[in-house]
C-alpha cells in the first residue's frame, strides 16, 4: 500500500498509510491502529476493538460485502475472522442471533496465560451469549 501510494516499502510507511486511510474514512484515531509489524496482533501493537468493529460495520455497507461475508470462516457456528500470535487471540465477525438481530463484534485477548485452545473455549463461551 505504501509503495502504491508513495513509492515507499517500509513497514512504518505502510502502517502510517493504514492509519491515515481509516482516519479519513471512518474517523478512527491513529492511536487505535498502532502497528509495529504487518500482523496487527503482536503485543506491542494497538488495534482496538472499536476500530475493528467500525471497519466491520463499514464493510457491511460496501457492494463487495456479500463476497466478503461468504469468505469469512465459520467458527463456533458464527461467521468470524480469527487472528493469533504469541499470547494474543482475536475474533471479529458478523452474527445474526435467534431473534433476527444482526450485529458486528470484536473480541481480543492479549497476554493470556495457559493454552490457546483453553482461551479459545473461554472466548467461545462468551460469544455464545450473543447467539
N, C-alpha and C. Protein backbone atom coordinates (compact mmCIF):
# COMPACT_ATOMS: atom_id res chain seq x y z
N UNK A 1 0.82 -1.19 0.00
CA UNK A 1 0.00 0.00 0.00
C UNK A 1 0.86 1.25 0.00
N UNK A 2 1.87 1.25 0.83
CA UNK A 2 2.73 2.43 0.89
C UNK A 2 3.48 2.62 -0.43
N UNK A 3 3.84 1.54 -1.06
CA UNK A 3 4.54 1.63 -2.34
C UNK A 3 3.62 2.20 -3.41
N UNK A 4 2.39 1.72 -3.45
CA UNK A 4 1.43 2.19 -4.44
C UNK A 4 1.10 3.66 -4.25
N UNK A 5 0.98 4.11 -3.03
CA UNK A 5 0.59 5.50 -2.78
C UNK A 5 1.76 6.47 -2.74
N UNK A 6 2.92 6.01 -2.30
CA UNK A 6 4.02 6.96 -2.11
C UNK A 6 5.37 6.42 -2.57
N UNK A 7 5.41 5.24 -3.16
CA UNK A 7 6.68 4.68 -3.62
C UNK A 7 7.58 4.22 -2.50
N UNK A 8 7.02 4.00 -1.31
CA UNK A 8 7.81 3.58 -0.16
C UNK A 8 7.46 2.13 0.19
N UNK A 9 8.44 1.41 0.74
CA UNK A 9 8.21 -0.01 1.01
C UNK A 9 8.42 -0.42 2.46
N UNK A 10 8.66 0.51 3.35
CA UNK A 10 8.90 0.17 4.75
C UNK A 10 7.63 -0.16 5.51
N UNK A 11 7.75 -0.99 6.54
CA UNK A 11 6.62 -1.34 7.39
C UNK A 11 6.01 -0.10 8.03
N UNK A 12 6.87 0.82 8.48
CA UNK A 12 6.38 2.06 9.09
C UNK A 12 5.54 2.86 8.10
N UNK A 13 6.00 2.91 6.85
CA UNK A 13 5.27 3.64 5.82
C UNK A 13 3.88 3.03 5.61
N UNK A 14 3.83 1.69 5.53
CA UNK A 14 2.56 1.01 5.36
C UNK A 14 1.64 1.24 6.53
N UNK A 15 2.18 1.15 7.74
CA UNK A 15 1.37 1.36 8.95
C UNK A 15 0.82 2.79 8.98
N UNK A 16 1.63 3.76 8.61
CA UNK A 16 1.17 5.15 8.59
C UNK A 16 0.06 5.34 7.55
N UNK A 17 0.20 4.72 6.40
CA UNK A 17 -0.81 4.83 5.36
C UNK A 17 -2.15 4.26 5.87
N UNK A 18 -2.10 3.10 6.51
CA UNK A 18 -3.32 2.48 7.02
C UNK A 18 -3.98 3.37 8.06
N UNK A 19 -3.18 3.97 8.95
CA UNK A 19 -3.74 4.88 9.94
C UNK A 19 -4.43 6.07 9.27
N UNK A 20 -3.77 6.67 8.29
CA UNK A 20 -4.34 7.83 7.59
C UNK A 20 -5.61 7.44 6.83
N UNK A 21 -5.59 6.29 6.18
CA UNK A 21 -6.74 5.82 5.40
C UNK A 21 -7.98 5.68 6.28
N UNK A 22 -7.84 4.94 7.40
CA UNK A 22 -9.01 4.70 8.24
C UNK A 22 -9.41 5.95 9.02
N UNK A 23 -8.48 6.82 9.31
CA UNK A 23 -8.84 8.08 9.96
C UNK A 23 -9.70 8.92 9.01
N UNK A 24 -9.29 9.01 7.76
CA UNK A 24 -10.05 9.79 6.78
C UNK A 24 -11.40 9.14 6.47
N UNK A 25 -11.44 7.82 6.40
CA UNK A 25 -12.65 7.09 6.01
C UNK A 25 -13.68 7.01 7.13
N UNK A 26 -13.23 6.69 8.35
CA UNK A 26 -14.16 6.41 9.45
C UNK A 26 -13.90 7.20 10.72
N UNK A 27 -12.89 8.05 10.72
CA UNK A 27 -12.58 8.81 11.93
C UNK A 27 -11.87 7.99 12.99
N UNK A 28 -11.30 6.84 12.59
CA UNK A 28 -10.56 6.02 13.56
C UNK A 28 -9.25 6.74 13.87
N UNK A 29 -9.03 7.00 15.14
CA UNK A 29 -7.80 7.71 15.54
C UNK A 29 -6.57 6.85 15.28
N UNK A 30 -5.47 7.46 14.83
CA UNK A 30 -4.25 6.69 14.58
C UNK A 30 -3.79 5.86 15.78
N UNK A 31 -4.05 6.33 16.99
CA UNK A 31 -3.64 5.58 18.18
C UNK A 31 -4.42 4.27 18.34
N UNK A 32 -5.54 4.11 17.63
CA UNK A 32 -6.32 2.87 17.69
C UNK A 32 -5.79 1.81 16.73
N UNK A 33 -4.91 2.21 15.82
CA UNK A 33 -4.32 1.29 14.85
C UNK A 33 -2.81 1.50 14.82
N UNK A 34 -2.16 1.26 15.93
CA UNK A 34 -0.73 1.46 16.04
C UNK A 34 -0.01 0.16 15.69
N UNK A 35 0.51 0.06 14.46
CA UNK A 35 1.15 -1.18 14.00
C UNK A 35 2.66 -1.09 14.04
N UNK A 36 3.26 -2.09 14.63
CA UNK A 36 4.71 -2.21 14.62
C UNK A 36 5.16 -3.27 13.62
N UNK A 37 4.22 -4.11 13.20
CA UNK A 37 4.52 -5.16 12.24
C UNK A 37 3.31 -5.32 11.31
N UNK A 38 3.36 -6.30 10.44
CA UNK A 38 2.30 -6.48 9.48
C UNK A 38 1.08 -7.22 9.98
N UNK A 39 1.16 -7.89 11.11
CA UNK A 39 0.04 -8.74 11.54
C UNK A 39 -1.06 -7.96 12.25
N UNK A 40 -0.69 -6.93 12.98
CA UNK A 40 -1.67 -6.20 13.75
C UNK A 40 -2.04 -6.86 15.06
N UNK A 41 -1.47 -8.01 15.36
CA UNK A 41 -1.82 -8.73 16.59
C UNK A 41 -0.67 -8.82 17.58
N UNK A 42 0.52 -8.41 17.22
CA UNK A 42 1.66 -8.51 18.13
C UNK A 42 1.37 -7.69 19.40
N UNK A 43 1.82 -8.15 20.56
CA UNK A 43 1.51 -7.46 21.81
C UNK A 43 1.90 -5.98 21.82
N UNK A 44 2.94 -5.60 21.07
CA UNK A 44 3.34 -4.19 21.08
C UNK A 44 2.48 -3.33 20.16
N UNK A 45 1.59 -3.95 19.40
CA UNK A 45 0.66 -3.20 18.55
C UNK A 45 -0.55 -2.77 19.37
N UNK A 46 -1.29 -1.86 18.79
CA UNK A 46 -2.56 -1.46 19.38
C UNK A 46 -3.60 -1.44 18.27
N UNK A 47 -4.49 -2.40 18.30
CA UNK A 47 -5.64 -2.42 17.41
C UNK A 47 -6.84 -2.57 18.33
N UNK A 48 -7.59 -1.52 18.49
CA UNK A 48 -8.69 -1.57 19.45
C UNK A 48 -9.89 -2.32 18.88
N UNK A 49 -10.70 -2.84 19.79
CA UNK A 49 -11.92 -3.50 19.36
C UNK A 49 -12.87 -2.51 18.69
N UNK A 50 -12.85 -1.26 19.12
CA UNK A 50 -13.67 -0.23 18.50
C UNK A 50 -13.27 -0.04 17.04
N UNK A 51 -11.98 0.05 16.77
CA UNK A 51 -11.50 0.22 15.40
C UNK A 51 -11.90 -0.97 14.53
N UNK A 52 -11.70 -2.19 15.04
CA UNK A 52 -12.06 -3.37 14.26
C UNK A 52 -13.55 -3.41 13.99
N UNK A 53 -14.34 -3.06 14.97
CA UNK A 53 -15.79 -3.09 14.79
C UNK A 53 -16.25 -2.04 13.78
N UNK A 54 -15.66 -0.85 13.82
CA UNK A 54 -16.00 0.18 12.84
C UNK A 54 -15.68 -0.29 11.43
N UNK A 55 -14.57 -0.98 11.27
CA UNK A 55 -14.18 -1.49 9.96
C UNK A 55 -15.16 -2.56 9.50
N UNK A 56 -15.57 -3.45 10.41
CA UNK A 56 -16.56 -4.48 10.05
C UNK A 56 -17.90 -3.84 9.67
N UNK A 57 -18.31 -2.80 10.38
CA UNK A 57 -19.56 -2.12 10.05
C UNK A 57 -19.45 -1.40 8.70
N UNK A 58 -18.29 -0.84 8.42
CA UNK A 58 -18.05 -0.22 7.12
C UNK A 58 -18.18 -1.26 6.01
N UNK A 59 -17.59 -2.43 6.23
CA UNK A 59 -17.63 -3.49 5.23
C UNK A 59 -19.07 -3.86 4.88
N UNK A 60 -19.95 -3.89 5.86
CA UNK A 60 -21.34 -4.27 5.62
C UNK A 60 -22.04 -3.35 4.63
N UNK A 61 -21.56 -2.14 4.47
CA UNK A 61 -22.20 -1.15 3.58
C UNK A 61 -21.61 -1.14 2.17
N UNK A 62 -20.62 -2.00 1.92
CA UNK A 62 -19.94 -1.99 0.63
C UNK A 62 -20.58 -2.99 -0.33
N UNK A 63 -20.48 -2.69 -1.63
CA UNK A 63 -21.08 -3.58 -2.62
C UNK A 63 -20.40 -4.94 -2.67
N UNK A 64 -19.18 -5.05 -2.18
CA UNK A 64 -18.44 -6.30 -2.17
C UNK A 64 -18.70 -7.12 -0.90
N UNK A 65 -19.54 -6.60 -0.01
CA UNK A 65 -19.77 -7.27 1.26
C UNK A 65 -20.26 -8.71 1.14
N UNK A 66 -21.21 -9.03 0.26
CA UNK A 66 -21.66 -10.43 0.19
C UNK A 66 -20.52 -11.42 -0.08
N UNK A 67 -19.59 -11.05 -0.93
CA UNK A 67 -18.44 -11.92 -1.21
C UNK A 67 -17.54 -12.00 0.02
N UNK A 68 -17.32 -10.86 0.66
CA UNK A 68 -16.51 -10.82 1.88
C UNK A 68 -17.14 -11.70 2.96
N UNK A 69 -18.44 -11.55 3.16
CA UNK A 69 -19.14 -12.33 4.18
C UNK A 69 -18.98 -13.83 3.93
N UNK A 70 -19.14 -14.25 2.71
CA UNK A 70 -19.01 -15.67 2.37
C UNK A 70 -17.58 -16.17 2.57
N UNK A 71 -16.61 -15.25 2.50
CA UNK A 71 -15.21 -15.65 2.68
C UNK A 71 -14.85 -15.86 4.15
N UNK A 72 -15.68 -15.34 5.06
CA UNK A 72 -15.39 -15.50 6.48
C UNK A 72 -15.60 -16.95 6.90
N UNK A 73 -14.63 -17.53 7.59
CA UNK A 73 -14.81 -18.89 8.09
C UNK A 73 -15.89 -18.93 9.17
N UNK A 74 -16.43 -20.09 9.39
CA UNK A 74 -17.39 -20.29 10.47
C UNK A 74 -16.69 -21.01 11.61
N UNK A 75 -16.65 -20.36 12.74
CA UNK A 75 -16.13 -20.94 13.98
C UNK A 75 -17.25 -20.83 15.00
N UNK A 76 -17.43 -21.84 15.81
CA UNK A 76 -18.41 -21.77 16.89
C UNK A 76 -19.81 -21.40 16.36
N UNK A 77 -20.11 -21.85 15.14
CA UNK A 77 -21.38 -21.54 14.47
C UNK A 77 -21.59 -20.04 14.28
N UNK A 78 -20.50 -19.29 14.09
CA UNK A 78 -20.57 -17.85 13.84
C UNK A 78 -19.57 -17.52 12.74
N UNK A 79 -19.92 -16.55 11.88
CA UNK A 79 -19.02 -16.09 10.83
C UNK A 79 -18.02 -15.11 11.46
N UNK A 80 -16.74 -15.45 11.39
CA UNK A 80 -15.74 -14.59 12.01
C UNK A 80 -14.36 -14.85 11.43
N UNK A 81 -13.52 -13.88 11.56
CA UNK A 81 -12.12 -13.99 11.20
C UNK A 81 -11.33 -14.10 12.48
N UNK A 82 -10.39 -15.02 12.51
CA UNK A 82 -9.56 -15.18 13.69
C UNK A 82 -8.18 -14.61 13.43
N UNK A 83 -7.49 -14.33 14.51
CA UNK A 83 -6.10 -13.90 14.44
C UNK A 83 -5.37 -14.37 15.69
N UNK A 84 -4.18 -14.92 15.50
CA UNK A 84 -3.39 -15.36 16.64
C UNK A 84 -1.92 -15.05 16.42
N UNK A 85 -1.26 -14.76 17.51
CA UNK A 85 0.19 -14.61 17.54
C UNK A 85 0.58 -14.67 19.01
N UNK A 86 1.68 -15.30 19.35
CA UNK A 86 2.15 -15.49 20.72
C UNK A 86 1.44 -14.74 21.82
N UNK A 87 0.50 -15.36 22.50
CA UNK A 87 -0.17 -14.75 23.63
C UNK A 87 -1.30 -13.81 23.28
N UNK A 88 -1.68 -13.76 22.00
CA UNK A 88 -2.77 -12.90 21.56
C UNK A 88 -3.74 -13.74 20.73
N UNK A 89 -5.02 -13.57 20.99
CA UNK A 89 -6.05 -14.29 20.25
C UNK A 89 -7.20 -13.32 20.01
N UNK A 90 -7.68 -13.28 18.78
CA UNK A 90 -8.75 -12.35 18.47
C UNK A 90 -9.74 -12.90 17.46
N UNK A 91 -10.97 -12.40 17.54
CA UNK A 91 -12.03 -12.72 16.60
C UNK A 91 -12.81 -11.47 16.30
N UNK A 92 -13.18 -11.31 15.04
CA UNK A 92 -14.10 -10.25 14.65
C UNK A 92 -15.03 -10.83 13.61
N UNK A 93 -16.29 -10.46 13.67
CA UNK A 93 -17.23 -11.04 12.73
C UNK A 93 -18.59 -10.39 12.75
N UNK A 94 -19.51 -11.09 12.11
CA UNK A 94 -20.89 -10.64 11.98
C UNK A 94 -21.77 -11.81 12.37
N UNK A 95 -22.84 -11.54 13.11
CA UNK A 95 -23.72 -12.63 13.52
C UNK A 95 -25.17 -12.14 13.55
N UNK A 96 -26.07 -13.03 13.18
CA UNK A 96 -27.50 -12.79 13.34
C UNK A 96 -27.99 -13.80 14.37
N UNK A 97 -28.54 -13.30 15.48
CA UNK A 97 -28.94 -14.19 16.56
C UNK A 97 -30.31 -14.82 16.28
N UNK A 98 -30.75 -15.66 17.20
CA UNK A 98 -32.01 -16.39 17.00
C UNK A 98 -33.22 -15.47 16.95
N UNK A 99 -33.09 -14.22 17.42
CA UNK A 99 -34.18 -13.24 17.36
C UNK A 99 -34.13 -12.39 16.10
N UNK A 100 -33.16 -12.69 15.22
CA UNK A 100 -33.04 -11.96 13.95
C UNK A 100 -32.23 -10.68 14.03
N UNK A 101 -31.63 -10.40 15.19
CA UNK A 101 -30.80 -9.21 15.34
C UNK A 101 -29.41 -9.48 14.74
N UNK A 102 -28.98 -8.60 13.86
CA UNK A 102 -27.66 -8.74 13.25
C UNK A 102 -26.73 -7.70 13.86
N UNK A 103 -25.48 -8.11 14.11
CA UNK A 103 -24.52 -7.19 14.71
C UNK A 103 -23.10 -7.63 14.38
N UNK A 104 -22.20 -6.70 14.53
CA UNK A 104 -20.77 -7.00 14.41
C UNK A 104 -20.21 -7.13 15.81
N UNK A 105 -19.11 -7.82 15.92
CA UNK A 105 -18.47 -7.98 17.22
C UNK A 105 -16.97 -8.16 17.02
N UNK A 106 -16.22 -7.80 18.03
CA UNK A 106 -14.78 -7.99 18.05
C UNK A 106 -14.39 -8.33 19.48
N UNK A 107 -13.60 -9.37 19.61
CA UNK A 107 -13.13 -9.82 20.91
C UNK A 107 -11.64 -10.10 20.79
N UNK A 108 -10.83 -9.37 21.54
CA UNK A 108 -9.37 -9.54 21.53
C UNK A 108 -8.88 -9.81 22.94
N UNK A 109 -8.01 -10.79 23.08
CA UNK A 109 -7.40 -11.10 24.38
C UNK A 109 -5.89 -11.07 24.16
N UNK A 110 -5.21 -10.32 25.02
CA UNK A 110 -3.77 -10.12 24.89
C UNK A 110 -3.07 -10.58 26.17
N UNK A 111 -1.94 -11.25 26.00
CA UNK A 111 -1.11 -11.68 27.14
C UNK A 111 -1.83 -12.64 28.08
N UNK A 112 -2.58 -13.58 27.53
CA UNK A 112 -3.27 -14.54 28.38
C UNK A 112 -2.31 -15.63 28.85
N UNK A 113 -2.68 -16.30 29.92
CA UNK A 113 -1.92 -17.44 30.43
C UNK A 113 -2.61 -18.72 30.01
N UNK A 114 -1.85 -19.78 29.88
CA UNK A 114 -2.43 -21.06 29.52
C UNK A 114 -2.39 -21.30 28.02
N UNK A 115 -3.10 -22.34 27.63
CA UNK A 115 -3.07 -22.74 26.23
C UNK A 115 -4.03 -21.91 25.37
N UNK A 116 -3.71 -21.82 24.11
CA UNK A 116 -4.58 -21.14 23.16
C UNK A 116 -5.93 -21.83 23.04
N UNK A 117 -5.92 -23.15 23.07
CA UNK A 117 -7.19 -23.87 22.94
C UNK A 117 -8.11 -23.61 24.14
N UNK A 118 -7.55 -23.51 25.34
CA UNK A 118 -8.36 -23.19 26.50
C UNK A 118 -8.91 -21.77 26.41
N UNK A 119 -8.07 -20.83 25.99
CA UNK A 119 -8.55 -19.45 25.85
C UNK A 119 -9.64 -19.38 24.79
N UNK A 120 -9.48 -20.09 23.70
CA UNK A 120 -10.48 -20.13 22.63
C UNK A 120 -11.82 -20.64 23.17
N UNK A 121 -11.78 -21.70 23.97
CA UNK A 121 -13.02 -22.23 24.58
C UNK A 121 -13.70 -21.18 25.44
N UNK A 122 -12.91 -20.45 26.22
CA UNK A 122 -13.47 -19.42 27.09
C UNK A 122 -14.07 -18.27 26.27
N UNK A 123 -13.39 -17.92 25.20
CA UNK A 123 -13.90 -16.85 24.33
C UNK A 123 -15.20 -17.28 23.66
N UNK A 124 -15.26 -18.53 23.21
CA UNK A 124 -16.47 -19.03 22.56
C UNK A 124 -17.63 -19.08 23.56
N UNK A 125 -17.34 -19.38 24.81
CA UNK A 125 -18.40 -19.34 25.84
C UNK A 125 -18.99 -17.94 25.94
N UNK A 126 -18.12 -16.95 25.92
CA UNK A 126 -18.59 -15.56 25.97
C UNK A 126 -19.38 -15.22 24.71
N UNK A 127 -18.87 -15.61 23.54
CA UNK A 127 -19.57 -15.32 22.30
C UNK A 127 -20.91 -16.06 22.20
N UNK A 128 -21.03 -17.19 22.87
CA UNK A 128 -22.30 -17.93 22.87
C UNK A 128 -23.45 -17.10 23.43
N UNK A 129 -23.14 -16.16 24.31
CA UNK A 129 -24.17 -15.30 24.89
C UNK A 129 -24.84 -14.47 23.78
N UNK A 130 -24.12 -14.17 22.72
CA UNK A 130 -24.66 -13.38 21.62
C UNK A 130 -25.64 -14.14 20.74
N UNK A 131 -25.60 -15.47 20.86
CA UNK A 131 -26.44 -16.29 19.97
C UNK A 131 -27.89 -16.21 20.37
